Amino acid sequence: MPHPERAKPDFARLVSDDATERTAVETVIAYERARGWEAVSVENENRGFDLISRRPHPEDPQTAIEVRFIEVKGRSAVGEIALTTNEYKTAQRLKKDYWLYVVFNCASKPEVNLVQDPAQLDWKPIVKIEHYHVRHQAILEVATT
């Protein structure tokens, strides 16, 4: 379901676009392959990251000597990004093994920006109040019958 406030200015800049995200993921997979790593998508598994990339051992390609857990974010131009709670908590847990690859300019010439251990950045939570509650005593004190 689309976010009910996706068109409002505070949220519109963060709304995901499938074509931009696909471009970003494909760009990152190509980037990883170009440096000799093999990236596998786990996007549909809700793990808190999109790709697992492994650097194969030179003498045994079936063995990885280094692994990156990569969250990919894409923007059509240059702009801010947001992490989900799951992504942020996973970044906190995995620390230096977690990488954020932000692909800017997906609509023109994609540019990959790498951030290791992104939980260390100055993230600002986006908080939305879903409900309000009041104690029954407050109701009884002011209610008329």
N, C-alpha and C. Protein backbone atom coordinates (compact mmCIF):
# COMPACT_ATOMS: atom_id res chain seq x y z
N MET A 1 0.85 -1.19 0.00
CA MET A 1 0.00 0.00 0.00
C MET A 1 0.89 1.24 0.00
N PRO A 2 0.56 2.21 -0.85
CA PRO A 2 1.32 3.46 -0.82
C PRO A 2 1.09 4.21 0.48
N HIS A 3 2.10 4.93 0.92
CA HIS A 3 1.98 5.73 2.13
C HIS A 3 0.90 6.78 1.91
N PRO A 4 -0.03 6.98 2.86
CA PRO A 4 -1.13 7.92 2.64
C PRO A 4 -0.68 9.37 2.48
N GLU A 5 0.51 9.69 2.92
CA GLU A 5 0.99 11.07 2.81
C GLU A 5 2.14 11.20 1.80
N ARG A 6 2.23 10.26 0.87
CA ARG A 6 3.34 10.23 -0.06
C ARG A 6 3.48 11.47 -0.92
N ALA A 7 2.39 12.24 -1.13
CA ALA A 7 2.46 13.43 -1.96
C ALA A 7 2.83 14.69 -1.17
N LYS A 8 2.80 14.63 0.14
CA LYS A 8 3.14 15.80 0.96
C LYS A 8 4.64 16.08 0.86
N PRO A 9 5.03 17.36 0.93
CA PRO A 9 6.44 17.73 0.73
C PRO A 9 7.44 16.98 1.61
N ASP A 10 7.10 16.73 2.87
CA ASP A 10 8.04 16.03 3.75
C ASP A 10 8.30 14.59 3.32
N PHE A 11 7.35 13.98 2.62
CA PHE A 11 7.48 12.59 2.23
C PHE A 11 7.77 12.40 0.74
N ALA A 12 7.30 13.31 -0.09
CA ALA A 12 7.40 13.14 -1.55
C ALA A 12 8.84 12.93 -2.00
N ARG A 13 9.78 13.62 -1.37
CA ARG A 13 11.18 13.49 -1.78
C ARG A 13 11.76 12.13 -1.44
N LEU A 14 11.07 11.36 -0.60
CA LEU A 14 11.57 10.06 -0.17
C LEU A 14 10.82 8.88 -0.79
N VAL A 15 9.83 9.16 -1.62
CA VAL A 15 9.01 8.11 -2.20
C VAL A 15 9.84 7.28 -3.18
N SER A 16 9.71 5.99 -3.07
CA SER A 16 10.45 5.08 -3.93
C SER A 16 9.85 5.04 -5.34
N ASP A 17 10.73 4.94 -6.32
CA ASP A 17 10.33 4.79 -7.71
C ASP A 17 10.94 3.49 -8.21
N ASP A 18 10.10 2.58 -8.68
CA ASP A 18 10.58 1.25 -9.07
C ASP A 18 11.68 1.30 -10.13
N ALA A 19 11.52 2.16 -11.14
CA ALA A 19 12.52 2.23 -12.21
C ALA A 19 13.86 2.75 -11.68
N THR A 20 13.80 3.75 -10.81
CA THR A 20 15.03 4.30 -10.22
C THR A 20 15.70 3.26 -9.34
N GLU A 21 14.91 2.58 -8.52
CA GLU A 21 15.48 1.54 -7.65
C GLU A 21 16.10 0.41 -8.46
N ARG A 22 15.45 0.00 -9.53
CA ARG A 22 15.98 -1.07 -10.37
C ARG A 22 17.30 -0.64 -11.00
N THR A 23 17.35 0.60 -11.51
CA THR A 23 18.59 1.14 -12.07
C THR A 23 19.70 1.13 -11.03
N ALA A 24 19.36 1.55 -9.81
CA ALA A 24 20.35 1.59 -8.73
C ALA A 24 20.90 0.20 -8.43
N VAL A 25 20.02 -0.78 -8.28
CA VAL A 25 20.45 -2.15 -7.96
C VAL A 25 21.31 -2.71 -9.10
N GLU A 26 20.88 -2.53 -10.33
CA GLU A 26 21.66 -3.03 -11.47
C GLU A 26 23.03 -2.35 -11.55
N THR A 27 23.07 -1.07 -11.26
CA THR A 27 24.34 -0.33 -11.26
C THR A 27 25.28 -0.86 -10.19
N VAL A 28 24.74 -1.15 -9.00
CA VAL A 28 25.57 -1.66 -7.91
C VAL A 28 26.07 -3.08 -8.22
N ILE A 29 25.22 -3.92 -8.78
CA ILE A 29 25.66 -5.28 -9.15
C ILE A 29 26.78 -5.20 -10.18
N ALA A 30 26.66 -4.32 -11.17
CA ALA A 30 27.71 -4.15 -12.17
C ALA A 30 28.98 -3.59 -11.52
N TYR A 31 28.83 -2.68 -10.58
CA TYR A 31 29.97 -2.11 -9.86
C TYR A 31 30.73 -3.21 -9.11
N GLU A 32 29.98 -4.05 -8.40
CA GLU A 32 30.60 -5.13 -7.63
C GLU A 32 31.32 -6.12 -8.56
N ARG A 33 30.69 -6.46 -9.67
CA ARG A 33 31.32 -7.40 -10.61
C ARG A 33 32.61 -6.81 -11.18
N ALA A 34 32.59 -5.51 -11.47
CA ALA A 34 33.77 -4.84 -12.05
C ALA A 34 34.95 -4.88 -11.08
N ARG A 35 34.67 -4.96 -9.79
CA ARG A 35 35.79 -5.04 -8.83
C ARG A 35 36.09 -6.46 -8.41
N GLY A 36 35.48 -7.44 -9.10
CA GLY A 36 35.80 -8.84 -8.88
C GLY A 36 34.96 -9.53 -7.82
N TRP A 37 33.89 -8.90 -7.36
CA TRP A 37 33.02 -9.47 -6.35
C TRP A 37 31.76 -10.02 -7.02
N GLU A 38 31.05 -10.88 -6.33
CA GLU A 38 29.80 -11.42 -6.85
C GLU A 38 28.66 -11.03 -5.92
N ALA A 39 27.75 -10.22 -6.45
CA ALA A 39 26.61 -9.74 -5.66
C ALA A 39 25.36 -10.54 -6.00
N VAL A 40 24.64 -10.94 -4.95
CA VAL A 40 23.40 -11.71 -5.09
C VAL A 40 22.28 -10.93 -4.43
N SER A 41 21.17 -10.81 -5.13
CA SER A 41 20.02 -10.07 -4.58
C SER A 41 19.28 -10.89 -3.53
N VAL A 42 18.97 -10.23 -2.42
CA VAL A 42 18.10 -10.80 -1.38
C VAL A 42 16.98 -9.79 -1.09
N GLU A 43 16.67 -8.98 -2.09
CA GLU A 43 15.70 -7.89 -1.94
C GLU A 43 14.35 -8.36 -1.42
N ASN A 44 13.92 -9.52 -1.83
CA ASN A 44 12.59 -10.01 -1.47
C ASN A 44 12.54 -10.77 -0.15
N GLU A 45 13.65 -10.78 0.59
CA GLU A 45 13.72 -11.58 1.82
C GLU A 45 13.60 -10.76 3.10
N ASN A 46 13.42 -9.45 2.99
CA ASN A 46 13.23 -8.56 4.15
C ASN A 46 14.33 -8.73 5.20
N ARG A 47 15.56 -8.78 4.76
CA ARG A 47 16.70 -8.97 5.67
C ARG A 47 17.26 -7.67 6.23
N GLY A 48 16.84 -6.54 5.67
CA GLY A 48 17.39 -5.26 6.11
C GLY A 48 18.50 -4.78 5.20
N PHE A 49 18.72 -5.47 4.10
CA PHE A 49 19.67 -5.07 3.06
C PHE A 49 19.23 -5.74 1.77
N ASP A 50 19.76 -5.26 0.64
CA ASP A 50 19.32 -5.72 -0.67
C ASP A 50 20.21 -6.77 -1.31
N LEU A 51 21.51 -6.68 -1.06
CA LEU A 51 22.46 -7.55 -1.74
C LEU A 51 23.46 -8.13 -0.74
N ILE A 52 23.92 -9.33 -1.04
CA ILE A 52 25.09 -9.88 -0.35
C ILE A 52 26.17 -9.99 -1.42
N SER A 53 27.30 -9.36 -1.16
CA SER A 53 28.39 -9.38 -2.13
C SER A 53 29.59 -10.06 -1.50
N ARG A 54 30.16 -10.99 -2.25
CA ARG A 54 31.29 -11.77 -1.74
C ARG A 54 32.50 -11.61 -2.65
N ARG A 55 33.65 -11.48 -1.99
CA ARG A 55 34.91 -11.47 -2.74
C ARG A 55 35.45 -12.89 -2.71
N PRO A 56 35.51 -13.55 -3.85
CA PRO A 56 35.95 -14.95 -3.87
C PRO A 56 37.46 -15.08 -3.60
N HIS A 57 37.78 -16.17 -2.96
CA HIS A 57 39.19 -16.51 -2.73
C HIS A 57 39.83 -16.78 -4.08
N PRO A 58 41.02 -16.24 -4.34
CA PRO A 58 41.64 -16.43 -5.67
C PRO A 58 41.92 -17.89 -6.03
N GLU A 59 42.15 -18.74 -5.03
CA GLU A 59 42.46 -20.14 -5.32
C GLU A 59 41.24 -21.05 -5.20
N ASP A 60 40.18 -20.54 -4.55
CA ASP A 60 38.96 -21.32 -4.39
C ASP A 60 37.75 -20.38 -4.52
N PRO A 61 37.26 -20.19 -5.74
CA PRO A 61 36.17 -19.24 -5.98
C PRO A 61 34.87 -19.55 -5.22
N GLN A 62 34.74 -20.75 -4.71
CA GLN A 62 33.54 -21.11 -3.93
C GLN A 62 33.62 -20.58 -2.50
N THR A 63 34.81 -20.13 -2.10
CA THR A 63 35.02 -19.62 -0.75
C THR A 63 35.15 -18.10 -0.80
N ALA A 64 34.39 -17.42 0.04
CA ALA A 64 34.48 -15.96 0.11
C ALA A 64 35.49 -15.56 1.17
N ILE A 65 36.32 -14.58 0.85
CA ILE A 65 37.29 -14.10 1.85
C ILE A 65 36.82 -12.78 2.47
N GLU A 66 35.78 -12.22 1.91
CA GLU A 66 35.19 -11.00 2.47
C GLU A 66 33.75 -10.92 2.00
N VAL A 67 32.88 -10.39 2.87
CA VAL A 67 31.45 -10.28 2.54
C VAL A 67 30.96 -8.89 2.90
N ARG A 68 30.12 -8.36 2.05
CA ARG A 68 29.44 -7.09 2.33
C ARG A 68 27.93 -7.31 2.27
N PHE A 69 27.23 -6.74 3.23
CA PHE A 69 25.77 -6.73 3.24
C PHE A 69 25.39 -5.33 2.80
N ILE A 70 24.79 -5.22 1.63
CA ILE A 70 24.62 -3.92 0.97
C ILE A 70 23.16 -3.51 0.88
N GLU A 71 22.87 -2.34 1.40
CA GLU A 71 21.58 -1.70 1.19
C GLU A 71 21.77 -0.71 0.05
N VAL A 72 20.91 -0.80 -0.96
CA VAL A 72 21.01 0.06 -2.14
C VAL A 72 19.88 1.09 -2.08
N LYS A 73 20.25 2.35 -2.26
CA LYS A 73 19.27 3.43 -2.37
C LYS A 73 19.57 4.18 -3.66
N GLY A 74 18.53 4.45 -4.44
CA GLY A 74 18.70 5.17 -5.69
C GLY A 74 17.87 6.43 -5.72
N ARG A 75 18.40 7.45 -6.33
CA ARG A 75 17.69 8.71 -6.54
C ARG A 75 17.88 9.11 -8.00
N SER A 76 16.85 9.69 -8.58
CA SER A 76 16.93 10.09 -9.99
C SER A 76 17.97 11.20 -10.18
N ALA A 77 18.13 12.05 -9.17
CA ALA A 77 19.16 13.10 -9.18
C ALA A 77 19.98 12.92 -7.90
N VAL A 78 20.27 14.00 -7.20
CA VAL A 78 20.96 13.93 -5.92
C VAL A 78 19.99 14.39 -4.86
N GLY A 79 19.84 13.61 -3.80
CA GLY A 79 18.91 13.98 -2.75
C GLY A 79 19.07 13.10 -1.53
N GLU A 80 18.33 13.45 -0.51
CA GLU A 80 18.43 12.69 0.73
C GLU A 80 17.78 11.32 0.59
N ILE A 81 18.13 10.46 1.50
CA ILE A 81 17.57 9.11 1.50
C ILE A 81 17.05 8.79 2.90
N ALA A 82 16.28 7.73 2.98
CA ALA A 82 15.76 7.27 4.26
C ALA A 82 15.98 5.78 4.37
N LEU A 83 16.21 5.31 5.57
CA LEU A 83 16.26 3.88 5.85
C LEU A 83 15.00 3.49 6.59
N THR A 84 14.55 2.27 6.37
CA THR A 84 13.46 1.75 7.16
C THR A 84 14.00 1.39 8.54
N THR A 85 13.12 1.16 9.48
CA THR A 85 13.56 0.74 10.81
C THR A 85 14.37 -0.55 10.71
N ASN A 86 13.92 -1.50 9.91
CA ASN A 86 14.63 -2.77 9.74
C ASN A 86 16.04 -2.53 9.17
N GLU A 87 16.15 -1.69 8.15
CA GLU A 87 17.46 -1.40 7.56
C GLU A 87 18.39 -0.74 8.58
N TYR A 88 17.87 0.24 9.31
CA TYR A 88 18.68 0.96 10.29
C TYR A 88 19.15 0.02 11.41
N LYS A 89 18.25 -0.78 11.94
CA LYS A 89 18.63 -1.70 13.01
C LYS A 89 19.62 -2.76 12.52
N THR A 90 19.46 -3.20 11.28
CA THR A 90 20.40 -4.16 10.71
C THR A 90 21.77 -3.52 10.55
N ALA A 91 21.80 -2.27 10.12
CA ALA A 91 23.07 -1.55 10.00
C ALA A 91 23.74 -1.42 11.37
N GLN A 92 22.97 -1.14 12.39
CA GLN A 92 23.53 -1.04 13.75
C GLN A 92 24.13 -2.38 14.19
N ARG A 93 23.43 -3.46 13.86
CA ARG A 93 23.86 -4.79 14.29
C ARG A 93 25.10 -5.26 13.53
N LEU A 94 25.14 -5.05 12.22
CA LEU A 94 26.23 -5.57 11.39
C LEU A 94 27.45 -4.65 11.32
N LYS A 95 27.27 -3.41 11.73
CA LYS A 95 28.36 -2.43 11.81
C LYS A 95 29.19 -2.35 10.53
N LYS A 96 30.47 -2.68 10.59
CA LYS A 96 31.37 -2.50 9.45
C LYS A 96 31.12 -3.48 8.30
N ASP A 97 30.34 -4.51 8.53
CA ASP A 97 29.99 -5.43 7.44
C ASP A 97 28.81 -4.92 6.61
N TYR A 98 28.13 -3.90 7.13
CA TYR A 98 26.96 -3.32 6.45
C TYR A 98 27.41 -2.11 5.64
N TRP A 99 27.01 -2.10 4.39
CA TRP A 99 27.38 -1.02 3.48
C TRP A 99 26.12 -0.41 2.88
N LEU A 100 26.11 0.90 2.78
CA LEU A 100 25.05 1.64 2.10
C LEU A 100 25.64 2.13 0.78
N TYR A 101 25.04 1.69 -0.31
CA TYR A 101 25.46 2.16 -1.63
C TYR A 101 24.33 3.08 -2.13
N VAL A 102 24.61 4.36 -2.20
CA VAL A 102 23.63 5.32 -2.68
C VAL A 102 23.99 5.66 -4.12
N VAL A 103 23.03 5.44 -5.01
CA VAL A 103 23.26 5.71 -6.42
C VAL A 103 22.49 6.98 -6.78
N PHE A 104 23.23 8.07 -6.96
CA PHE A 104 22.64 9.33 -7.38
C PHE A 104 22.62 9.39 -8.91
N ASN A 105 21.75 10.23 -9.43
CA ASN A 105 21.64 10.50 -10.87
C ASN A 105 21.24 9.27 -11.68
N CYS A 106 20.33 8.47 -11.14
CA CYS A 106 19.87 7.27 -11.85
C CYS A 106 19.15 7.62 -13.16
N ALA A 107 18.61 8.82 -13.26
CA ALA A 107 17.90 9.23 -14.47
C ALA A 107 18.84 9.68 -15.58
N SER A 108 20.12 9.86 -15.27
CA SER A 108 21.07 10.32 -16.27
C SER A 108 22.31 9.42 -16.28
N LYS A 109 23.29 9.78 -15.47
CA LYS A 109 24.53 8.98 -15.39
C LYS A 109 24.71 8.53 -13.95
N PRO A 110 24.32 7.30 -13.62
CA PRO A 110 24.38 6.82 -12.24
C PRO A 110 25.77 6.92 -11.63
N GLU A 111 25.80 7.39 -10.39
CA GLU A 111 27.04 7.57 -9.64
C GLU A 111 26.91 6.84 -8.31
N VAL A 112 27.78 5.86 -8.07
CA VAL A 112 27.73 5.04 -6.86
C VAL A 112 28.55 5.70 -5.75
N ASN A 113 27.91 5.84 -4.59
CA ASN A 113 28.55 6.41 -3.41
C ASN A 113 28.48 5.36 -2.31
N LEU A 114 29.63 4.96 -1.76
CA LEU A 114 29.70 3.89 -0.77
C LEU A 114 29.89 4.44 0.63
N VAL A 115 29.13 3.89 1.57
CA VAL A 115 29.28 4.27 2.97
C VAL A 115 29.33 2.99 3.80
N GLN A 116 30.47 2.75 4.44
CA GLN A 116 30.60 1.61 5.34
C GLN A 116 30.07 2.01 6.71
N ASP A 117 29.33 1.11 7.35
CA ASP A 117 28.79 1.33 8.70
C ASP A 117 27.95 2.62 8.75
N PRO A 118 26.91 2.70 7.91
CA PRO A 118 26.14 3.94 7.82
C PRO A 118 25.34 4.30 9.07
N ALA A 119 25.19 3.39 10.01
CA ALA A 119 24.47 3.72 11.25
C ALA A 119 25.19 4.82 12.01
N GLN A 120 26.46 5.04 11.71
CA GLN A 120 27.24 6.07 12.39
C GLN A 120 26.93 7.48 11.87
N LEU A 121 26.18 7.59 10.77
CA LEU A 121 25.82 8.91 10.26
C LEU A 121 24.78 9.56 11.17
N ASP A 122 24.55 10.82 10.96
CA ASP A 122 23.62 11.60 11.80
C ASP A 122 22.19 11.47 11.28
N TRP A 123 21.60 10.28 11.45
CA TRP A 123 20.24 10.02 10.97
C TRP A 123 19.23 10.75 11.85
N LYS A 124 18.17 11.23 11.24
CA LYS A 124 17.07 11.87 11.96
C LYS A 124 15.83 10.99 11.79
N PRO A 125 15.22 10.57 12.89
CA PRO A 125 14.02 9.73 12.76
C PRO A 125 12.84 10.53 12.22
N ILE A 126 12.06 9.87 11.39
CA ILE A 126 10.80 10.43 10.91
C ILE A 126 9.72 9.78 11.76
N VAL A 127 9.05 10.59 12.55
CA VAL A 127 8.06 10.07 13.48
C VAL A 127 6.69 10.57 13.07
N LYS A 128 5.76 9.66 13.00
CA LYS A 128 4.38 10.00 12.69
C LYS A 128 3.52 9.45 13.80
N ILE A 129 2.66 10.30 14.34
CA ILE A 129 1.77 9.86 15.40
C ILE A 129 0.61 9.11 14.76
N GLU A 130 0.45 7.87 15.16
CA GLU A 130 -0.63 7.03 14.63
C GLU A 130 -1.90 7.14 15.47
N HIS A 131 -1.74 7.23 16.79
CA HIS A 131 -2.89 7.24 17.70
C HIS A 131 -2.59 8.17 18.87
N TYR A 132 -3.66 8.59 19.51
CA TYR A 132 -3.56 9.30 20.79
C TYR A 132 -4.36 8.50 21.79
N HIS A 133 -3.99 8.56 23.04
CA HIS A 133 -4.79 7.84 24.04
C HIS A 133 -4.98 8.74 25.26
N VAL A 134 -6.02 8.44 25.98
CA VAL A 134 -6.33 9.17 27.19
C VAL A 134 -6.78 8.16 28.24
N ARG A 135 -6.44 8.44 29.48
CA ARG A 135 -6.84 7.55 30.57
C ARG A 135 -8.33 7.70 30.86
N HIS A 136 -8.93 6.66 31.33
CA HIS A 136 -10.38 6.69 31.58
C HIS A 136 -10.75 7.71 32.65
N GLN A 137 -9.87 7.96 33.61
CA GLN A 137 -10.16 8.93 34.66
C GLN A 137 -10.40 10.32 34.07
N ALA A 138 -9.65 10.69 33.03
CA ALA A 138 -9.81 11.99 32.41
C ALA A 138 -11.19 12.12 31.76
N ILE A 139 -11.64 11.04 31.18
CA ILE A 139 -12.98 11.03 30.57
C ILE A 139 -14.04 11.18 31.65
N LEU A 140 -13.92 10.41 32.72
CA LEU A 140 -14.91 10.45 33.78
C LEU A 140 -14.97 11.81 34.48
N GLU A 141 -13.84 12.49 34.55
CA GLU A 141 -13.80 13.80 35.20
C GLU A 141 -14.55 14.86 34.43
N VAL A 142 -14.61 14.77 33.12
CA VAL A 142 -15.23 15.83 32.33
C VAL A 142 -16.53 15.42 31.65
N ALA A 143 -16.84 14.14 31.67
CA ALA A 143 -18.01 13.64 30.96
C ALA A 143 -19.32 14.09 31.62
N THR A 144 -20.30 14.31 30.79
CA THR A 144 -21.65 14.57 31.29
C THR A 144 -22.53 13.39 30.93
N THR A 145 -23.54 13.17 31.74
CA THR A 145 -24.44 12.04 31.46
C THR A 145 -25.84 12.52 31.18
